[in-house]
Structures are given as C-alpha cells and as structure tokens.
Amino acid sequence: MNEKERIYTDWKTSRSKVDLPDGFSERVMTKVVKQEQIKASKSGSSTFRSLFEMAVRILMGIGLSALGILRVACLVGGLMRP
C-alpha cells in the first residue's frame, strides 16, 4: 500500500467513527418525507401548468420547424435563379 492509499484509508476510518446526535436519523427522515409530500402536492396542483407548458413547447417546435422549412426553400429558390 502506498502513502496516498494509507492516508485515504486512515481518513476513511476516522470519518466512519463520527458520533451523531440523538434523533439525527429521525430528523433527516422527517425532512425527506416533508419534501416528498411537498413535491407530490405541487405535481398534483400543477397539472394545468404542465399541460400548458407542453402545448407551448409543441407550438414552438412546429413554428421553428416551419421557419426552417421556409429558410431552406428560400435558399433553394435563390440558387435556382439565374
């Protein structure tokens, strides 16, 4: 084992022996559950918003595709002129 590996192993061992305060895992899991509930409530109430955003994206895609087709047609038309 070289010096870097030994230092890393020592560091890893020292970090694994950290004492956590009482109730630490319960507090963390409570916050995780609250965040999941917030995400679930937001996704349920924003169905209209997500549909609106999807419609806007589709319309933008159609518009940009039409613009690209028009641009190609103008280039081809310009090349066909004498």
Protein backbone atom coordinates (compact mmCIF):
# COMPACT_ATOMS: atom_id res chain seq x y z
CA MET A 1 0.00 0.00 0.00
CA ASN A 2 1.46 3.33 -0.96
CA GLU A 3 1.36 6.50 1.11
CA LYS A 4 -1.70 8.01 -0.60
CA GLU A 5 -3.75 4.86 -0.09
CA ARG A 6 -2.75 4.69 3.57
CA ILE A 7 -3.71 8.33 4.15
CA TYR A 8 -7.05 7.78 2.42
CA THR A 9 -7.73 4.62 4.45
CA ASP A 10 -6.88 6.44 7.69
CA TRP A 11 -9.14 9.33 6.74
CA LYS A 12 -11.98 6.96 5.85
CA THR A 13 -11.61 5.14 9.16
CA SER A 14 -11.62 8.38 11.15
CA ARG A 15 -14.71 9.67 9.30
CA SER A 16 -16.64 6.46 9.92
CA LYS A 17 -16.32 6.91 13.69
CA VAL A 18 -18.25 10.20 13.84
CA ASP A 19 -20.78 10.30 16.68
CA LEU A 20 -24.18 11.57 15.60
CA PRO A 21 -26.53 13.35 17.98
CA ASP A 22 -29.58 11.52 19.30
CA GLY A 23 -32.51 11.58 16.89
CA PHE A 24 -30.40 12.60 13.91
CA SER A 25 -31.73 9.96 11.55
CA GLU A 26 -35.35 10.66 12.60
CA ARG A 27 -34.93 14.38 11.87
CA VAL A 28 -33.39 13.69 8.49
CA MET A 29 -36.09 11.22 7.50
CA THR A 30 -38.82 13.63 8.66
CA LYS A 31 -37.42 16.32 6.38
CA VAL A 32 -37.18 13.84 3.49
CA VAL A 33 -40.82 12.84 3.95
CA LYS A 34 -41.90 16.51 4.09
CA GLN A 35 -40.03 17.26 0.85
CA GLU A 36 -41.66 14.30 -0.87
CA GLN A 37 -45.09 15.47 0.30
CA ILE A 38 -44.40 18.98 -0.99
CA LYS A 39 -43.33 17.59 -4.38
CA ALA A 40 -46.44 15.40 -4.53
CA SER A 41 -48.76 18.29 -3.70
CA LYS A 42 -47.09 20.56 -6.27
CA SER A 43 -47.30 17.98 -9.03
CA GLY A 44 -50.99 17.35 -8.34
CA SER A 45 -51.95 21.02 -8.44
CA SER A 46 -49.83 21.97 -11.43
CA THR A 47 -51.37 19.58 -13.95
CA PHE A 48 -52.79 22.52 -15.91
CA ARG A 49 -49.44 24.27 -15.84
CA SER A 50 -47.59 21.23 -17.15
CA LEU A 51 -50.17 20.81 -19.93
CA PHE A 52 -49.79 24.47 -20.84
CA GLU A 53 -46.01 24.17 -20.92
CA MET A 54 -46.24 21.07 -23.10
CA ALA A 55 -48.60 22.86 -25.52
CA VAL A 56 -46.25 25.84 -25.74
CA ARG A 57 -43.30 23.55 -26.44
CA ILE A 58 -45.22 21.74 -29.19
CA LEU A 59 -46.30 25.01 -30.80
CA MET A 60 -42.75 26.37 -30.61
CA GLY A 61 -41.46 23.19 -32.23
CA ILE A 62 -43.98 23.47 -35.05
CA GLY A 63 -43.19 27.16 -35.55
CA LEU A 64 -39.45 26.63 -35.60
CA SER A 65 -39.82 23.70 -38.00
CA ALA A 66 -41.90 25.86 -40.35
CA LEU A 67 -39.30 28.61 -40.12
CA GLY A 68 -36.55 26.11 -41.00
CA ILE A 69 -38.51 24.81 -43.99
CA LEU A 70 -39.11 28.36 -45.19
CA ARG A 71 -35.41 29.15 -44.84
CA VAL A 72 -34.41 26.09 -46.85
CA ALA A 73 -37.00 26.96 -49.52
CA CYS A 74 -35.59 30.50 -49.77
CA LEU A 75 -32.06 29.17 -50.15
CA VAL A 76 -33.05 26.69 -52.83
CA GLY A 77 -35.10 29.35 -54.61
CA GLY A 78 -32.13 31.72 -54.54
CA LEU A 79 -29.87 29.08 -56.04
CA MET A 80 -32.34 28.36 -58.85
CA ARG A 81 -32.37 31.96 -60.09
CA PRO A 82 -30.05 32.75 -62.98
